[in-house]
Amino acid sequence: MTRIINLRQARKQRARSEAQAEAAARAARFGRSKAERLLEEARAQKAREALDGHRLEPGPPPDGPGE
């Protein structure tokens, strides 16, 4: 004998599963803690300052990648 299922509940469960899978994918892509973001930002700032410290002619940085 086959099992009787409620289609409304099945649809809701499928939607929940899809939303959970999408959330996991987004967390893997974008999810970083505040400490990790701040650490990366501080490292980038330090690298920019070190690079600017080695300039031959002090001045404003170029406007875009073409210069």
PDB file of N, CA and C in Angstrom:
ATOM      1  N   MET A   1       0.836  -1.166   0.000  1.00  0.00           N
ATOM      2  CA  MET A   1       0.000   0.000   0.000  1.00  0.00           C
ATOM      3  C   MET A   1       0.892   1.245   0.000  1.00  0.00           C
ATOM      4  N   THR A   2       0.463   2.238  -0.742  1.00  0.00           N
ATOM      5  CA  THR A   2       1.263   3.460  -0.838  1.00  0.00           C
ATOM      6  C   THR A   2       0.964   4.397   0.327  1.00  0.00           C
ATOM      7  N   ARG A   3       1.907   5.237   0.567  1.00  0.00           N
ATOM      8  CA  ARG A   3       1.771   6.190   1.660  1.00  0.00           C
ATOM      9  C   ARG A   3       1.063   7.450   1.161  1.00  0.00           C
ATOM     10  N   ILE A   4       0.108   7.934   1.881  1.00  0.00           N
ATOM     11  CA  ILE A   4      -0.620   9.138   1.507  1.00  0.00           C
ATOM     12  C   ILE A   4       0.140  10.334   2.079  1.00  0.00           C
ATOM     13  N   ILE A   5       0.369  11.337   1.214  1.00  0.00           N
ATOM     14  CA  ILE A   5       1.092  12.517   1.671  1.00  0.00           C
ATOM     15  C   ILE A   5       0.238  13.757   1.445  1.00  0.00           C
ATOM     16  N   ASN A   6       0.461  14.737   2.248  1.00  0.00           N
ATOM     17  CA  ASN A   6      -0.210  16.024   2.109  1.00  0.00           C
ATOM     18  C   ASN A   6       0.648  16.873   1.174  1.00  0.00           C
ATOM     19  N   LEU A   7       0.118  17.233   0.009  1.00  0.00           N
ATOM     20  CA  LEU A   7       0.901  17.965  -0.986  1.00  0.00           C
ATOM     21  C   LEU A   7       1.318  19.340  -0.490  1.00  0.00           C
ATOM     22  N   ARG A   8       0.479  19.996   0.273  1.00  0.00           N
ATOM     23  CA  ARG A   8       0.814  21.313   0.807  1.00  0.00           C
ATOM     24  C   ARG A   8       2.037  21.216   1.714  1.00  0.00           C
ATOM     25  N   GLN A   9       2.045  20.220   2.593  1.00  0.00           N
ATOM     26  CA  GLN A   9       3.192  20.030   3.493  1.00  0.00           C
ATOM     27  C   GLN A   9       4.442  19.644   2.712  1.00  0.00           C
ATOM     28  N   ALA A  10       4.276  18.835   1.683  1.00  0.00           N
ATOM     29  CA  ALA A  10       5.425  18.426   0.873  1.00  0.00           C
ATOM     30  C   ALA A  10       6.032  19.627   0.162  1.00  0.00           C
ATOM     31  N   ARG A  11       5.180  20.519  -0.387  1.00  0.00           N
ATOM     32  CA  ARG A  11       5.676  21.721  -1.054  1.00  0.00           C
ATOM     33  C   ARG A  11       6.422  22.625  -0.081  1.00  0.00           C
ATOM     34  N   LYS A  12       5.858  22.802   1.102  1.00  0.00           N
ATOM     35  CA  LYS A  12       6.505  23.646   2.105  1.00  0.00           C
ATOM     36  C   LYS A  12       7.848  23.059   2.521  1.00  0.00           C
ATOM     37  N   GLN A  13       7.911  21.756   2.702  1.00  0.00           N
ATOM     38  CA  GLN A  13       9.160  21.109   3.098  1.00  0.00           C
ATOM     39  C   GLN A  13      10.212  21.254   2.007  1.00  0.00           C
ATOM     40  N   ARG A  14       9.790  21.105   0.741  1.00  0.00           N
ATOM     41  CA  ARG A  14      10.727  21.269  -0.364  1.00  0.00           C
ATOM     42  C   ARG A  14      11.241  22.709  -0.417  1.00  0.00           C
ATOM     43  N   ALA A  15      10.364  23.690  -0.208  1.00  0.00           N
ATOM     44  CA  ALA A  15      10.771  25.096  -0.214  1.00  0.00           C
ATOM     45  C   ALA A  15      11.755  25.373   0.926  1.00  0.00           C
ATOM     46  N   ARG A  16      11.498  24.787   2.099  1.00  0.00           N
ATOM     47  CA  ARG A  16      12.416  24.964   3.233  1.00  0.00           C
ATOM     48  C   ARG A  16      13.787  24.388   2.910  1.00  0.00           C
ATOM     49  N   SER A  17      13.803  23.222   2.304  1.00  0.00           N
ATOM     50  CA  SER A  17      15.069  22.572   1.950  1.00  0.00           C
ATOM     51  C   SER A  17      15.860  23.418   0.956  1.00  0.00           C
ATOM     52  N   GLU A  18      15.160  23.955  -0.050  1.00  0.00           N
ATOM     53  CA  GLU A  18      15.832  24.786  -1.045  1.00  0.00           C
ATOM     54  C   GLU A  18      16.372  26.064  -0.418  1.00  0.00           C
ATOM     55  N   ALA A  19      15.583  26.675   0.472  1.00  0.00           N
ATOM     56  CA  ALA A  19      16.034  27.900   1.141  1.00  0.00           C
ATOM     57  C   ALA A  19      17.247  27.617   2.019  1.00  0.00           C
ATOM     58  N   GLN A  20      17.243  26.486   2.683  1.00  0.00           N
ATOM     59  CA  GLN A  20      18.371  26.120   3.549  1.00  0.00           C
ATOM     60  C   GLN A  20      19.626  25.867   2.722  1.00  0.00           C
ATOM     61  N   ALA A  21      19.469  25.225   1.563  1.00  0.00           N
ATOM     62  CA  ALA A  21      20.619  24.976   0.694  1.00  0.00           C
ATOM     63  C   ALA A  21      21.182  26.292   0.161  1.00  0.00           C
ATOM     64  N   GLU A  22      20.298  27.220  -0.209  1.00  0.00           N
ATOM     65  CA  GLU A  22      20.755  28.523  -0.699  1.00  0.00           C
ATOM     66  C   GLU A  22      21.466  29.300   0.415  1.00  0.00           C
ATOM     67  N   ALA A  23      20.944  29.221   1.622  1.00  0.00           N
ATOM     68  CA  ALA A  23      21.569  29.904   2.754  1.00  0.00           C
ATOM     69  C   ALA A  23      22.964  29.340   3.021  1.00  0.00           C
ATOM     70  N   ALA A  24      23.111  28.042   2.921  1.00  0.00           N
ATOM     71  CA  ALA A  24      24.420  27.424   3.137  1.00  0.00           C
ATOM     72  C   ALA A  24      25.414  27.866   2.062  1.00  0.00           C
ATOM     73  N   ALA A  25      24.932  27.956   0.818  1.00  0.00           N
ATOM     74  CA  ALA A  25      25.805  28.393  -0.270  1.00  0.00           C
ATOM     75  C   ALA A  25      26.232  29.844  -0.063  1.00  0.00           C
ATOM     76  N   ARG A  26      25.304  30.696   0.354  1.00  0.00           N
ATOM     77  CA  ARG A  26      25.634  32.101   0.602  1.00  0.00           C
ATOM     78  C   ARG A  26      26.600  32.228   1.778  1.00  0.00           C
ATOM     79  N   ALA A  27      26.390  31.449   2.810  1.00  0.00           N
ATOM     80  CA  ALA A  27      27.275  31.510   3.973  1.00  0.00           C
ATOM     81  C   ALA A  27      28.690  31.103   3.589  1.00  0.00           C
ATOM     82  N   ALA A  28      28.799  30.118   2.716  1.00  0.00           N
ATOM     83  CA  ALA A  28      30.126  29.684   2.278  1.00  0.00           C
ATOM     84  C   ALA A  28      30.791  30.761   1.433  1.00  0.00           C
ATOM     85  N   ARG A  29      29.989  31.484   0.660  1.00  0.00           N
ATOM     86  CA  ARG A  29      30.531  32.498  -0.222  1.00  0.00           C
ATOM     87  C   ARG A  29      30.843  33.804   0.515  1.00  0.00           C
ATOM     88  N   PHE A  30      29.935  34.267   1.347  1.00  0.00           N
ATOM     89  CA  PHE A  30      30.064  35.581   1.952  1.00  0.00           C
ATOM     90  C   PHE A  30      30.306  35.551   3.453  1.00  0.00           C
ATOM     91  N   GLY A  31      30.061  34.446   4.080  1.00  0.00           N
ATOM     92  CA  GLY A  31      30.073  34.406   5.541  1.00  0.00           C
ATOM     93  C   GLY A  31      31.470  34.458   6.132  1.00  0.00           C
ATOM     94  N   ARG A  32      31.796  35.583   6.686  1.00  0.00           N
ATOM     95  CA  ARG A  32      33.048  35.741   7.428  1.00  0.00           C
ATOM     96  C   ARG A  32      32.710  36.470   8.714  1.00  0.00           C
ATOM     97  N   SER A  33      33.441  36.179   9.732  1.00  0.00           N
ATOM     98  CA  SER A  33      33.186  36.858  10.999  1.00  0.00           C
ATOM     99  C   SER A  33      33.698  38.290  10.921  1.00  0.00           C
ATOM    100  N   LYS A  34      33.240  39.112  11.843  1.00  0.00           N
ATOM    101  CA  LYS A  34      33.667  40.508  11.875  1.00  0.00           C
ATOM    102  C   LYS A  34      35.175  40.598  12.079  1.00  0.00           C
ATOM    103  N   ALA A  35      35.714  39.730  12.919  1.00  0.00           N
ATOM    104  CA  ALA A  35      37.158  39.733  13.167  1.00  0.00           C
ATOM    105  C   ALA A  35      37.932  39.419  11.894  1.00  0.00           C
ATOM    106  N   GLU A  36      37.453  38.476  11.092  1.00  0.00           N
ATOM    107  CA  GLU A  36      38.136  38.145   9.841  1.00  0.00           C
ATOM    108  C   GLU A  36      38.095  39.317   8.872  1.00  0.00           C
ATOM    109  N   ARG A  37      36.924  39.990   8.781  1.00  0.00           N
ATOM    110  CA  ARG A  37      36.815  41.146   7.887  1.00  0.00           C
ATOM    111  C   ARG A  37      37.747  42.266   8.330  1.00  0.00           C
ATOM    112  N   LEU A  38      37.782  42.541   9.635  1.00  0.00           N
ATOM    113  CA  LEU A  38      38.650  43.607  10.136  1.00  0.00           C
ATOM    114  C   LEU A  38      40.119  43.278   9.929  1.00  0.00           C
ATOM    115  N   LEU A  39      40.495  42.018  10.132  1.00  0.00           N
ATOM    116  CA  LEU A  39      41.881  41.602   9.930  1.00  0.00           C
ATOM    117  C   LEU A  39      42.290  41.783   8.468  1.00  0.00           C
ATOM    118  N   GLU A  40      41.433  41.368   7.551  1.00  0.00           N
ATOM    119  CA  GLU A  40      41.739  41.515   6.131  1.00  0.00           C
ATOM    120  C   GLU A  40      41.848  42.995   5.752  1.00  0.00           C
ATOM    121  N   GLU A  41      40.951  43.814   6.290  1.00  0.00           N
ATOM    122  CA  GLU A  41      40.986  45.242   6.017  1.00  0.00           C
ATOM    123  C   GLU A  41      42.270  45.876   6.553  1.00  0.00           C
ATOM    124  N   ALA A  42      42.686  45.488   7.757  1.00  0.00           N
ATOM    125  CA  ALA A  42      43.910  46.027   8.349  1.00  0.00           C
ATOM    126  C   ALA A  42      45.137  45.603   7.544  1.00  0.00           C
ATOM    127  N   ARG A  43      45.154  44.368   7.086  1.00  0.00           N
ATOM    128  CA  ARG A  43      46.289  43.907   6.266  1.00  0.00           C
ATOM    129  C   ARG A  43      46.362  44.665   4.947  1.00  0.00           C
ATOM    130  N   ALA A  44      45.206  44.901   4.332  1.00  0.00           N
ATOM    131  CA  ALA A  44      45.179  45.641   3.067  1.00  0.00           C
ATOM    132  C   ALA A  44      45.660  47.078   3.282  1.00  0.00           C
ATOM    133  N   GLN A  45      45.228  47.700   4.371  1.00  0.00           N
ATOM    134  CA  GLN A  45      45.656  49.069   4.675  1.00  0.00           C
ATOM    135  C   GLN A  45      47.165  49.130   4.898  1.00  0.00           C
ATOM    136  N   LYS A  46      47.704  48.155   5.620  1.00  0.00           N
ATOM    137  CA  LYS A  46      49.141  48.122   5.875  1.00  0.00           C
ATOM    138  C   LYS A  46      49.917  47.932   4.574  1.00  0.00           C
ATOM    139  N   ALA A  47      49.399  47.086   3.690  1.00  0.00           N
ATOM    140  CA  ALA A  47      50.059  46.870   2.405  1.00  0.00           C
ATOM    141  C   ALA A  47      50.034  48.142   1.560  1.00  0.00           C
ATOM    142  N   ARG A  48      48.892  48.868   1.573  1.00  0.00           N
ATOM    143  CA  ARG A  48      48.805  50.129   0.828  1.00  0.00           C
ATOM    144  C   ARG A  48      49.804  51.146   1.371  1.00  0.00           C
ATOM    145  N   GLU A  49      49.893  51.239   2.696  1.00  0.00           N
ATOM    146  CA  GLU A  49      50.823  52.189   3.301  1.00  0.00           C
ATOM    147  C   GLU A  49      52.272  51.825   2.982  1.00  0.00           C
ATOM    148  N   ALA A  50      52.604  50.550   2.990  1.00  0.00           N
ATOM    149  CA  ALA A  50      53.965  50.122   2.664  1.00  0.00           C
ATOM    150  C   ALA A  50      54.290  50.448   1.213  1.00  0.00           C
ATOM    151  N   LEU A  51      53.333  50.228   0.327  1.00  0.00           N
ATOM    152  CA  LEU A  51      53.540  50.530  -1.085  1.00  0.00           C
ATOM    153  C   LEU A  51      53.695  52.034  -1.289  1.00  0.00           C
ATOM    154  N   ASP A  52      52.853  52.821  -0.628  1.00  0.00           N
ATOM    155  CA  ASP A  52      52.951  54.277  -0.744  1.00  0.00           C
ATOM    156  C   ASP A  52      54.264  54.786  -0.158  1.00  0.00           C
ATOM    157  N   GLY A  53      54.795  54.105   0.837  1.00  0.00           N
ATOM    158  CA  GLY A  53      56.056  54.509   1.442  1.00  0.00           C
ATOM    159  C   GLY A  53      57.242  54.319   0.508  1.00  0.00           C
ATOM    160  N   HIS A  54      57.096  53.516  -0.513  1.00  0.00           N
ATOM    161  CA  HIS A  54      58.179  53.245  -1.449  1.00  0.00           C
ATOM    162  C   HIS A  54      58.060  54.066  -2.726  1.00  0.00           C
ATOM    163  N   ARG A  55      57.125  55.002  -2.771  1.00  0.00           N
ATOM    164  CA  ARG A  55      56.985  55.849  -3.956  1.00  0.00           C
ATOM    165  C   ARG A  55      58.202  56.761  -4.099  1.00  0.00           C
ATOM    166  N   LEU A  56      58.604  57.001  -5.328  1.00  0.00           N
ATOM    167  CA  LEU A  56      59.723  57.900  -5.587  1.00  0.00           C
ATOM    168  C   LEU A  56      59.280  59.352  -5.501  1.00  0.00           C
ATOM    169  N   GLU A  57      58.104  59.642  -6.032  1.00  0.00           N
ATOM    170  CA  GLU A  57      57.582  61.006  -6.005  1.00  0.00           C
ATOM    171  C   GLU A  57      56.292  60.987  -5.194  1.00  0.00           C
ATOM    172  N   PRO A  58      56.289  61.626  -4.038  1.00  0.00           N
ATOM    173  CA  PRO A  58      55.057  61.634  -3.250  1.00  0.00           C
ATOM    174  C   PRO A  58      53.974  62.429  -3.962  1.00  0.00           C
ATOM    175  N   GLY A  59      52.779  61.963  -3.868  1.00  0.00           N
ATOM    176  CA  GLY A  59      51.659  62.635  -4.490  1.00  0.00           C
ATOM    177  C   GLY A  59      50.432  61.777  -4.396  1.00  0.00           C
ATOM    178  N   PRO A  60      49.334  62.263  -4.937  1.00  0.00           N
ATOM    179  CA  PRO A  60      48.104  61.479  -4.860  1.00  0.00           C
ATOM    180  C   PRO A  60      48.224  60.237  -5.746  1.00  0.00           C
ATOM    181  N   PRO A  61      47.551  59.163  -5.351  1.00  0.00           N
ATOM    182  CA  PRO A  61      47.590  57.953  -6.167  1.00  0.00           C
ATOM    183  C   PRO A  61      46.862  58.174  -7.491  1.00  0.00           C
ATOM    184  N   PRO A  62      47.172  57.393  -8.511  1.00  0.00           N
ATOM    185  CA  PRO A  62      46.504  57.548  -9.797  1.00  0.00           C
ATOM    186  C   PRO A  62      44.998  57.289  -9.663  1.00  0.00           C
ATOM    187  N   ASP A  63      44.242  57.908 -10.572  1.00  0.00           N
ATOM    188  CA  ASP A  63      42.772  57.816 -10.500  1.00  0.00           C
ATOM    189  C   ASP A  63      42.237  56.439 -10.852  1.00  0.00           C
ATOM    190  N   GLY A  64      42.792  55.800 -11.812  1.00  0.00           N
ATOM    191  CA  GLY A  64      42.233  54.528 -12.247  1.00  0.00           C
ATOM    192  C   GLY A  64      43.296  53.555 -12.667  1.00  0.00           C
ATOM    193  N   PRO A  65      42.872  52.377 -13.102  1.00  0.00           N
ATOM    194  CA  PRO A  65      43.841  51.350 -13.498  1.00  0.00           C
ATOM    195  C   PRO A  65      44.578  51.680 -14.786  1.00  0.00           C
ATOM    196  N   GLY A  66      44.070  52.625 -15.602  1.00  0.00           N
ATOM    197  CA  GLY A  66      44.711  52.964 -16.870  1.00  0.00           C
ATOM    198  C   GLY A  66      45.864  53.917 -16.721  1.00  0.00           C
ATOM    199  N   GLU A  67      46.085  54.457 -15.542  1.00  0.00           N
ATOM    200  CA  GLU A  67      47.156  55.444 -15.386  1.00  0.00           C
ATOM    201  C   GLU A  67      48.357  54.874 -14.687  1.00  0.00           C
TER     202      GLU A  67
END
